PDB file of N, CA and C in Angstrom:
ATOM      1  N   MET A   1    -322.777 -31.819 -66.834  1.00  0.00           N
ATOM      2  CA  MET A   1    -322.461 -30.856 -67.815  1.00  0.00           C
ATOM      3  C   MET A   1    -322.387 -29.482 -67.160  1.00  0.00           C
ATOM      4  N   LYS A   2    -321.327 -28.713 -67.554  1.00  0.00           N
ATOM      5  CA  LYS A   2    -321.195 -27.375 -67.057  1.00  0.00           C
ATOM      6  C   LYS A   2    -322.246 -26.447 -67.619  1.00  0.00           C
ATOM      7  N   ARG A   3    -322.638 -25.397 -66.951  1.00  0.00           N
ATOM      8  CA  ARG A   3    -323.634 -24.443 -67.438  1.00  0.00           C
ATOM      9  C   ARG A   3    -323.175 -23.823 -68.722  1.00  0.00           C
ATOM     10  N   GLU A   4    -321.923 -23.527 -68.913  1.00  0.00           N
ATOM     11  CA  GLU A   4    -321.419 -22.987 -70.167  1.00  0.00           C
ATOM     12  C   GLU A   4    -321.627 -23.934 -71.348  1.00  0.00           C
ATOM     13  N   GLU A   5    -321.468 -25.261 -71.065  1.00  0.00           N
ATOM     14  CA  GLU A   5    -321.679 -26.205 -72.105  1.00  0.00           C
ATOM     15  C   GLU A   5    -323.168 -26.358 -72.434  1.00  0.00           C
ATOM     16  N   GLN A   6    -324.010 -26.327 -71.366  1.00  0.00           N
ATOM     17  CA  GLN A   6    -325.454 -26.339 -71.602  1.00  0.00           C
ATOM     18  C   GLN A   6    -325.941 -25.176 -72.422  1.00  0.00           C
ATOM     19  N   PHE A   7    -325.374 -23.971 -72.042  1.00  0.00           N
ATOM     20  CA  PHE A   7    -325.767 -22.794 -72.757  1.00  0.00           C
ATOM     21  C   PHE A   7    -325.420 -22.900 -74.216  1.00  0.00           C
ATOM     22  N   LYS A   8    -324.192 -23.353 -74.531  1.00  0.00           N
ATOM     23  CA  LYS A   8    -323.670 -23.509 -75.889  1.00  0.00           C
ATOM     24  C   LYS A   8    -324.594 -24.525 -76.621  1.00  0.00           C
ATOM     25  N   LYS A   9    -324.991 -25.597 -76.021  1.00  0.00           N
ATOM     26  CA  LYS A   9    -325.818 -26.614 -76.683  1.00  0.00           C
ATOM     27  C   LYS A   9    -327.149 -25.995 -77.052  1.00  0.00           C
ATOM     28  N   ILE A  10    -327.740 -25.282 -76.085  1.00  0.00           N
ATOM     29  CA  ILE A  10    -329.052 -24.666 -76.365  1.00  0.00           C
ATOM     30  C   ILE A  10    -328.831 -23.575 -77.460  1.00  0.00           C
ATOM     31  N   ALA A  11    -327.858 -22.799 -77.369  1.00  0.00           N
ATOM     32  CA  ALA A  11    -327.629 -21.779 -78.444  1.00  0.00           C
ATOM     33  C   ALA A  11    -327.446 -22.458 -79.812  1.00  0.00           C
ATOM     34  N   GLU A  12    -326.837 -23.602 -79.875  1.00  0.00           N
ATOM     35  CA  GLU A  12    -326.669 -24.347 -81.105  1.00  0.00           C
ATOM     36  C   GLU A  12    -328.075 -24.808 -81.647  1.00  0.00           C
ATOM     37  N   GLU A  13    -328.902 -25.256 -80.666  1.00  0.00           N
ATOM     38  CA  GLU A  13    -330.218 -25.743 -81.081  1.00  0.00           C
ATOM     39  C   GLU A  13    -331.060 -24.566 -81.546  1.00  0.00           C
ATOM     40  N   CYS A  14    -330.927 -23.442 -80.926  1.00  0.00           N
ATOM     41  CA  CYS A  14    -331.596 -22.232 -81.329  1.00  0.00           C
ATOM     42  C   CYS A  14    -331.201 -21.801 -82.781  1.00  0.00           C
ATOM     43  N   GLN A  15    -329.889 -21.852 -82.993  1.00  0.00           N
ATOM     44  CA  GLN A  15    -329.364 -21.457 -84.303  1.00  0.00           C
ATOM     45  C   GLN A  15    -329.827 -22.385 -85.411  1.00  0.00           C
ATOM     46  N   ALA A  16    -329.888 -23.658 -85.134  1.00  0.00           N
ATOM     47  CA  ALA A  16    -330.331 -24.612 -86.111  1.00  0.00           C
ATOM     48  C   ALA A  16    -331.880 -24.376 -86.387  1.00  0.00           C
ATOM     49  N   LEU A  17    -332.682 -24.158 -85.350  1.00  0.00           N
ATOM     50  CA  LEU A  17    -334.047 -23.904 -85.471  1.00  0.00           C
ATOM     51  C   LEU A  17    -334.269 -22.542 -86.279  1.00  0.00           C
ATOM     52  N   PHE A  18    -333.458 -21.561 -85.918  1.00  0.00           N
ATOM     53  CA  PHE A  18    -333.531 -20.260 -86.621  1.00  0.00           C
ATOM     54  C   PHE A  18    -333.296 -20.435 -88.094  1.00  0.00           C
ATOM     55  N   GLU A  19    -332.155 -21.125 -88.421  1.00  0.00           N
ATOM     56  CA  GLU A  19    -331.809 -21.351 -89.845  1.00  0.00           C
ATOM     57  C   GLU A  19    -332.931 -22.057 -90.593  1.00  0.00           C
ATOM     58  N   GLU A  20    -333.524 -23.002 -89.969  1.00  0.00           N
ATOM     59  CA  GLU A  20    -334.596 -23.771 -90.617  1.00  0.00           C
ATOM     60  C   GLU A  20    -335.865 -22.893 -90.856  1.00  0.00           C
ATOM     61  N   LYS A  21    -336.265 -22.204 -89.796  1.00  0.00           N
ATOM     62  CA  LYS A  21    -337.400 -21.346 -89.937  1.00  0.00           C
ATOM     63  C   LYS A  21    -337.179 -20.111 -90.858  1.00  0.00           C
ATOM     64  N   ASN A  22    -336.009 -19.538 -90.756  1.00  0.00           N
ATOM     65  CA  ASN A  22    -335.675 -18.327 -91.500  1.00  0.00           C
ATOM     66  C   ASN A  22    -335.691 -18.742 -92.996  1.00  0.00           C
ATOM     67  N   ALA A  23    -335.179 -19.865 -93.352  1.00  0.00           N
ATOM     68  CA  ALA A  23    -335.172 -20.361 -94.750  1.00  0.00           C
ATOM     69  C   ALA A  23    -336.612 -20.619 -95.161  1.00  0.00           C
ATOM     70  N   ALA A  24    -337.398 -21.268 -94.314  1.00  0.00           N
ATOM     71  CA  ALA A  24    -338.782 -21.527 -94.632  1.00  0.00           C
ATOM     72  C   ALA A  24    -339.650 -20.305 -94.933  1.00  0.00           C
ATOM     73  N   TYR A  25    -339.304 -19.284 -94.126  1.00  0.00           N
ATOM     74  CA  TYR A  25    -340.106 -18.018 -94.177  1.00  0.00           C
ATOM     75  C   TYR A  25    -339.487 -16.950 -95.044  1.00  0.00           C
ATOM     76  N   GLY A  26    -338.381 -17.324 -95.725  1.00  0.00           N
ATOM     77  CA  GLY A  26    -337.728 -16.409 -96.637  1.00  0.00           C
ATOM     78  C   GLY A  26    -337.145 -15.105 -96.026  1.00  0.00           C
ATOM     79  N   ASP A  27    -336.578 -15.201 -94.836  1.00  0.00           N
ATOM     80  CA  ASP A  27    -335.953 -14.142 -94.218  1.00  0.00           C
ATOM     81  C   ASP A  27    -336.972 -13.009 -93.882  1.00  0.00           C
ATOM     82  N   ASP A  28    -338.217 -13.407 -93.688  1.00  0.00           N
ATOM     83  CA  ASP A  28    -339.360 -12.493 -93.650  1.00  0.00           C
ATOM     84  C   ASP A  28    -339.180 -11.495 -92.442  1.00  0.00           C
ATOM     85  N   TYR A  29    -338.742 -11.904 -91.287  1.00  0.00           N
ATOM     86  CA  TYR A  29    -338.624 -11.062 -90.136  1.00  0.00           C
ATOM     87  C   TYR A  29    -337.738  -9.841 -90.427  1.00  0.00           C
ATOM     88  N   PHE A  30    -336.696 -10.070 -91.283  1.00  0.00           N
ATOM     89  CA  PHE A  30    -335.745  -9.026 -91.515  1.00  0.00           C
ATOM     90  C   PHE A  30    -336.079  -8.231 -92.805  1.00  0.00           C
ATOM     91  N   SER A  31    -336.624  -8.931 -93.803  1.00  0.00           N
ATOM     92  CA  SER A  31    -336.842  -8.250 -95.150  1.00  0.00           C
ATOM     93  C   SER A  31    -338.179  -7.734 -95.333  1.00  0.00           C
ATOM     94  N   SER A  32    -339.125  -8.034 -94.462  1.00  0.00           N
ATOM     95  CA  SER A  32    -340.512  -7.659 -94.702  1.00  0.00           C
ATOM     96  C   SER A  32    -340.754  -6.232 -94.214  1.00  0.00           C
ATOM     97  N   SER A  33    -341.953  -5.750 -94.328  1.00  0.00           N
ATOM     98  CA  SER A  33    -342.242  -4.395 -93.951  1.00  0.00           C
ATOM     99  C   SER A  33    -342.907  -4.426 -92.556  1.00  0.00           C
ATOM    100  N   TYR A  34    -342.557  -5.410 -91.755  1.00  0.00           N
ATOM    101  CA  TYR A  34    -343.063  -5.476 -90.379  1.00  0.00           C
ATOM    102  C   TYR A  34    -342.637  -4.194 -89.621  1.00  0.00           C
ATOM    103  N   SER A  35    -343.496  -3.556 -88.986  1.00  0.00           N
ATOM    104  CA  SER A  35    -343.127  -2.481 -88.092  1.00  0.00           C
ATOM    105  C   SER A  35    -342.594  -2.993 -86.843  1.00  0.00           C
ATOM    106  N   GLU A  36    -342.027  -2.078 -86.024  1.00  0.00           N
ATOM    107  CA  GLU A  36    -341.510  -2.558 -84.754  1.00  0.00           C
ATOM    108  C   GLU A  36    -342.660  -2.982 -83.815  1.00  0.00           C
ATOM    109  N   LEU A  37    -343.808  -2.353 -83.943  1.00  0.00           N
ATOM    110  CA  LEU A  37    -345.027  -2.777 -83.201  1.00  0.00           C
ATOM    111  C   LEU A  37    -345.484  -4.167 -83.623  1.00  0.00           C
ATOM    112  N   GLU A  38    -345.452  -4.423 -84.917  1.00  0.00           N
ATOM    113  CA  GLU A  38    -345.852  -5.789 -85.338  1.00  0.00           C
ATOM    114  C   GLU A  38    -344.884  -6.837 -84.908  1.00  0.00           C
ATOM    115  N   ARG A  39    -343.645  -6.552 -84.862  1.00  0.00           N
ATOM    116  CA  ARG A  39    -342.637  -7.502 -84.330  1.00  0.00           C
ATOM    117  C   ARG A  39    -342.852  -7.724 -82.853  1.00  0.00           C
ATOM    118  N   TRP A  40    -343.128  -6.628 -82.167  1.00  0.00           N
ATOM    119  CA  TRP A  40    -343.421  -6.745 -80.664  1.00  0.00           C
ATOM    120  C   TRP A  40    -344.694  -7.592 -80.418  1.00  0.00           C
ATOM    121  N   LEU A  41    -345.721  -7.405 -81.270  1.00  0.00           N
ATOM    122  CA  LEU A  41    -346.917  -8.210 -81.125  1.00  0.00           C
ATOM    123  C   LEU A  41    -346.645  -9.675 -81.327  1.00  0.00           C
ATOM    124  N   SER A  42    -345.757 -10.050 -82.272  1.00  0.00           N
ATOM    125  CA  SER A  42    -345.426 -11.467 -82.442  1.00  0.00           C
ATOM    126  C   SER A  42    -344.771 -12.009 -81.216  1.00  0.00           C
ATOM    127  N   ILE A  43    -343.865 -11.204 -80.580  1.00  0.00           N
ATOM    128  CA  ILE A  43    -343.296 -11.665 -79.330  1.00  0.00           C
ATOM    129  C   ILE A  43    -344.331 -11.780 -78.224  1.00  0.00           C
ATOM    130  N   LYS A  44    -345.191 -10.830 -78.145  1.00  0.00           N
ATOM    131  CA  LYS A  44    -346.263 -10.736 -77.190  1.00  0.00           C
ATOM    132  C   LYS A  44    -347.142 -12.013 -77.286  1.00  0.00           C
ATOM    133  N   ARG A  45    -347.472 -12.429 -78.463  1.00  0.00           N
ATOM    134  CA  ARG A  45    -348.300 -13.567 -78.761  1.00  0.00           C
ATOM    135  C   ARG A  45    -347.623 -14.842 -78.214  1.00  0.00           C
ATOM    136  N   LYS A  46    -346.261 -14.928 -78.413  1.00  0.00           N
ATOM    137  CA  LYS A  46    -345.486 -16.031 -77.915  1.00  0.00           C
ATOM    138  C   LYS A  46    -345.525 -16.067 -76.369  1.00  0.00           C
ATOM    139  N   VAL A  47    -345.398 -14.911 -75.797  1.00  0.00           N
ATOM    140  CA  VAL A  47    -345.476 -14.835 -74.293  1.00  0.00           C
ATOM    141  C   VAL A  47    -346.842 -15.240 -73.807  1.00  0.00           C
ATOM    142  N   ALA A  48    -347.886 -14.852 -74.494  1.00  0.00           N
ATOM    143  CA  ALA A  48    -349.271 -15.240 -74.129  1.00  0.00           C
ATOM    144  C   ALA A  48    -349.347 -16.754 -74.288  1.00  0.00           C
ATOM    145  N   ARG A  49    -348.824 -17.315 -75.318  1.00  0.00           N
ATOM    146  CA  ARG A  49    -348.867 -18.766 -75.508  1.00  0.00           C
ATOM    147  C   ARG A  49    -348.195 -19.450 -74.407  1.00  0.00           C
ATOM    148  N   LEU A  50    -347.040 -18.970 -73.944  1.00  0.00           N
ATOM    149  CA  LEU A  50    -346.314 -19.514 -72.875  1.00  0.00           C
ATOM    150  C   LEU A  50    -347.033 -19.436 -71.544  1.00  0.00           C
ATOM    151  N   THR A  51    -347.671 -18.339 -71.329  1.00  0.00           N
ATOM    152  CA  THR A  51    -348.500 -18.172 -70.115  1.00  0.00           C
ATOM    153  C   THR A  51    -349.578 -19.213 -70.101  1.00  0.00           C
ATOM    154  N   SER A  52    -350.234 -19.373 -71.279  1.00  0.00           N
ATOM    155  CA  SER A  52    -351.345 -20.291 -71.400  1.00  0.00           C
ATOM    156  C   SER A  52    -350.895 -21.684 -71.100  1.00  0.00           C
ATOM    157  N   LYS A  53    -349.695 -22.059 -71.656  1.00  0.00           N
ATOM    158  CA  LYS A  53    -349.104 -23.441 -71.450  1.00  0.00           C
ATOM    159  C   LYS A  53    -348.811 -23.705 -70.000  1.00  0.00           C
ATOM    160  N   TYR A  54    -348.401 -22.706 -69.259  1.00  0.00           N
ATOM    161  CA  TYR A  54    -348.118 -22.834 -67.828  1.00  0.00           C
ATOM    162  C   TYR A  54    -349.376 -23.019 -66.981  1.00  0.00           C
ATOM    163  N   GLU A  55    -350.429 -22.351 -67.479  1.00  0.00           N
ATOM    164  CA  GLU A  55    -351.717 -22.422 -66.821  1.00  0.00           C
ATOM    165  C   GLU A  55    -352.575 -23.601 -67.175  1.00  0.00           C
ATOM    166  N   LYS A  56    -352.440 -24.013 -68.439  1.00  0.00           N
ATOM    167  CA  LYS A  56    -353.405 -25.107 -68.919  1.00  0.00           C
ATOM    168  C   LYS A  56    -352.690 -26.295 -69.433  1.00  0.00           C
ATOM    169  N   GLY A  57    -351.370 -26.291 -69.414  1.00  0.00           N
ATOM    170  CA  GLY A  57    -350.622 -27.435 -69.976  1.00  0.00           C
ATOM    171  C   GLY A  57    -350.627 -27.314 -71.531  1.00  0.00           C
ATOM    172  N   ASN A  58    -350.691 -28.407 -72.188  1.00  0.00           N
ATOM    173  CA  ASN A  58    -350.520 -28.422 -73.673  1.00  0.00           C
ATOM    174  C   ASN A  58    -351.920 -28.410 -74.398  1.00  0.00           C
ATOM    175  N   GLU A  59    -352.918 -28.106 -73.667  1.00  0.00           N
ATOM    176  CA  GLU A  59    -354.218 -28.016 -74.340  1.00  0.00           C
ATOM    177  C   GLU A  59    -354.207 -26.998 -75.479  1.00  0.00           C
ATOM    178  N   GLY A  60    -354.795 -27.327 -76.527  1.00  0.00           N
ATOM    179  CA  GLY A  60    -354.988 -26.333 -77.637  1.00  0.00           C
ATOM    180  C   GLY A  60    -353.881 -26.456 -78.630  1.00  0.00           C
ATOM    181  N   MET A  61    -352.571 -26.592 -78.199  1.00  0.00           N
ATOM    182  CA  MET A  61    -351.472 -26.627 -79.129  1.00  0.00           C
ATOM    183  C   MET A  61    -350.516 -27.713 -78.626  1.00  0.00           C
ATOM    184  N   PRO A  62    -350.913 -28.972 -78.722  1.00  0.00           N
ATOM    185  CA  PRO A  62    -349.991 -30.038 -78.102  1.00  0.00           C
ATOM    186  C   PRO A  62    -348.725 -30.195 -78.984  1.00  0.00           C
ATOM    187  N   GLU A  63    -348.758 -29.721 -80.235  1.00  0.00           N
ATOM    188  CA  GLU A  63    -347.562 -29.904 -81.046  1.00  0.00           C
ATOM    189  C   GLU A  63    -346.430 -28.936 -80.714  1.00  0.00           C
ATOM    190  N   GLU A  64    -346.724 -27.920 -79.924  1.00  0.00           N
ATOM    191  CA  GLU A  64    -345.651 -27.000 -79.492  1.00  0.00           C
ATOM    192  C   GLU A  64    -345.538 -27.047 -78.002  1.00  0.00           C
ATOM    193  N   THR A  65    -344.427 -27.517 -77.531  1.00  0.00           N
ATOM    194  CA  THR A  65    -344.147 -27.693 -76.135  1.00  0.00           C
ATOM    195  C   THR A  65    -343.695 -26.369 -75.495  1.00  0.00           C
ATOM    196  N   ILE A  66    -343.623 -26.363 -74.180  1.00  0.00           N
ATOM    197  CA  ILE A  66    -343.173 -25.189 -73.464  1.00  0.00           C
ATOM    198  C   ILE A  66    -341.684 -24.899 -73.900  1.00  0.00           C
ATOM    199  N   LYS A  67    -340.900 -25.961 -74.017  1.00  0.00           N
ATOM    200  CA  LYS A  67    -339.561 -25.847 -74.511  1.00  0.00           C
ATOM    201  C   LYS A  67    -339.540 -25.183 -75.871  1.00  0.00           C
ATOM    202  N   ASP A  68    -340.388 -25.594 -76.763  1.00  0.00           N
ATOM    203  CA  ASP A  68    -340.442 -24.992 -78.117  1.00  0.00           C
ATOM    204  C   ASP A  68    -340.786 -23.460 -78.050  1.00  0.00           C
ATOM    205  N   THR A  69    -341.725 -23.123 -77.144  1.00  0.00           N
ATOM    206  CA  THR A  69    -342.109 -21.786 -77.033  1.00  0.00           C
ATOM    207  C   THR A  69    -340.934 -20.900 -76.486  1.00  0.00           C
ATOM    208  N   TRP A  70    -340.257 -21.406 -75.457  1.00  0.00           N
ATOM    209  CA  TRP A  70    -339.119 -20.678 -74.884  1.00  0.00           C
ATOM    210  C   TRP A  70    -337.959 -20.626 -75.960  1.00  0.00           C
ATOM    211  N   MET A  71    -337.769 -21.559 -76.759  1.00  0.00           N
ATOM    212  CA  MET A  71    -336.790 -21.470 -77.840  1.00  0.00           C
ATOM    213  C   MET A  71    -337.181 -20.413 -78.862  1.00  0.00           C
ATOM    214  N   ASP A  72    -338.434 -20.369 -79.265  1.00  0.00           N
ATOM    215  CA  ASP A  72    -338.948 -19.301 -80.124  1.00  0.00           C
ATOM    216  C   ASP A  72    -338.707 -17.939 -79.573  1.00  0.00           C
ATOM    217  N   LEU A  73    -338.984 -17.755 -78.243  1.00  0.00           N
ATOM    218  CA  LEU A  73    -338.762 -16.521 -77.587  1.00  0.00           C
ATOM    219  C   LEU A  73    -337.241 -16.131 -77.549  1.00  0.00           C
ATOM    220  N   ALA A  74    -336.410 -17.076 -77.347  1.00  0.00           N
ATOM    221  CA  ALA A  74    -334.941 -16.817 -77.410  1.00  0.00           C
ATOM    222  C   ALA A  74    -334.527 -16.351 -78.775  1.00  0.00           C
ATOM    223  N   ILE A  75    -335.099 -17.061 -79.875  1.00  0.00           N
ATOM    224  CA  ILE A  75    -334.730 -16.653 -81.258  1.00  0.00           C
ATOM    225  C   ILE A  75    -335.300 -15.291 -81.515  1.00  0.00           C
ATOM    226  N   TYR A  76    -336.526 -15.013 -81.141  1.00  0.00           N
ATOM    227  CA  TYR A  76    -337.111 -13.683 -81.369  1.00  0.00           C
ATOM    228  C   TYR A  76    -336.221 -12.608 -80.756  1.00  0.00           C
ATOM    229  N   SER A  77    -335.758 -12.925 -79.513  1.00  0.00           N
ATOM    230  CA  SER A  77    -334.881 -11.966 -78.825  1.00  0.00           C
ATOM    231  C   SER A  77    -333.615 -11.667 -79.595  1.00  0.00           C
ATOM    232  N   ILE A  78    -333.017 -12.700 -80.091  1.00  0.00           N
ATOM    233  CA  ILE A  78    -331.762 -12.564 -80.831  1.00  0.00           C
ATOM    234  C   ILE A  78    -332.052 -11.785 -82.157  1.00  0.00           C
ATOM    235  N   MET A  79    -333.135 -12.110 -82.822  1.00  0.00           N
ATOM    236  CA  MET A  79    -333.472 -11.432 -84.103  1.00  0.00           C
ATOM    237  C   MET A  79    -333.716  -9.938 -83.881  1.00  0.00           C
ATOM    238  N   GLU A  80    -334.305  -9.609 -82.710  1.00  0.00           N
ATOM    239  CA  GLU A  80    -334.484  -8.138 -82.389  1.00  0.00           C
ATOM    240  C   GLU A  80    -333.121  -7.529 -82.123  1.00  0.00           C
ATOM    241  N   LEU A  81    -332.247  -8.264 -81.506  1.00  0.00           N
ATOM    242  CA  LEU A  81    -330.902  -7.678 -81.204  1.00  0.00           C
ATOM    243  C   LEU A  81    -330.130  -7.457 -82.532  1.00  0.00           C
ATOM    244  N   ILE A  82    -330.288  -8.415 -83.486  1.00  0.00           N
ATOM    245  CA  ILE A  82    -329.651  -8.217 -84.794  1.00  0.00           C
ATOM    246  C   ILE A  82    -330.281  -6.858 -85.458  1.00  0.00           C
ATOM    247  N   LEU A  83    -331.507  -6.671 -85.367  1.00  0.00           N
ATOM    248  CA  LEU A  83    -332.095  -5.490 -85.984  1.00  0.00           C
ATOM    249  C   LEU A  83    -331.655  -4.249 -85.168  1.00  0.00           C
ATOM    250  N   LEU A  84    -331.571  -4.333 -83.884  1.00  0.00           N
ATOM    251  CA  LEU A  84    -331.113  -3.187 -83.116  1.00  0.00           C
ATOM    252  C   LEU A  84    -329.667  -2.798 -83.393  1.00  0.00           C
ATOM    253  N   LYS A  85    -328.831  -3.856 -83.475  1.00  0.00           N
ATOM    254  CA  LYS A  85    -327.415  -3.597 -83.770  1.00  0.00           C
ATOM    255  C   LYS A  85    -327.078  -3.262 -85.153  1.00  0.00           C
ATOM    256  N   GLY A  86    -327.976  -3.741 -86.101  1.00  0.00           N
ATOM    257  CA  GLY A  86    -327.707  -3.411 -87.476  1.00  0.00           C
ATOM    258  C   GLY A  86    -326.317  -3.828 -87.932  1.00  0.00           C
ATOM    259  N   ASP A  87    -325.617  -2.874 -88.561  1.00  0.00           N
ATOM    260  CA  ASP A  87    -324.269  -3.170 -88.959  1.00  0.00           C
ATOM    261  C   ASP A  87    -323.152  -2.854 -88.003  1.00  0.00           C
ATOM    262  N   LYS A  88    -323.528  -2.766 -86.770  1.00  0.00           N
ATOM    263  CA  LYS A  88    -322.562  -2.383 -85.669  1.00  0.00           C
ATOM    264  C   LYS A  88    -321.895  -3.665 -85.103  1.00  0.00           C
ATOM    265  N   PHE A  89    -321.968  -4.800 -85.714  1.00  0.00           N
ATOM    266  CA  PHE A  89    -321.332  -5.995 -85.244  1.00  0.00           C
ATOM    267  C   PHE A  89    -319.879  -5.957 -85.506  1.00  0.00           C
TER     268      PHE A  89
END
């Protein structure tokens, strides 16, 4: 499979996961009163979880794999880009 096809497949998986979680959390990331710092801290916690998984494996949170954590980080990055770009799309 070409890299472009792999990228598209992963992007589609991220979109499906985003849609699922965004619906479950009621568009909270965008409509809540989270400050920029609070959003950054959410991302920082995911990075810390990823670091821990590489150091310790799946101890402590076996239900979330390294792949899951990377997908969450990709989604957080895209959500931040949405907020940064605002209506400039």
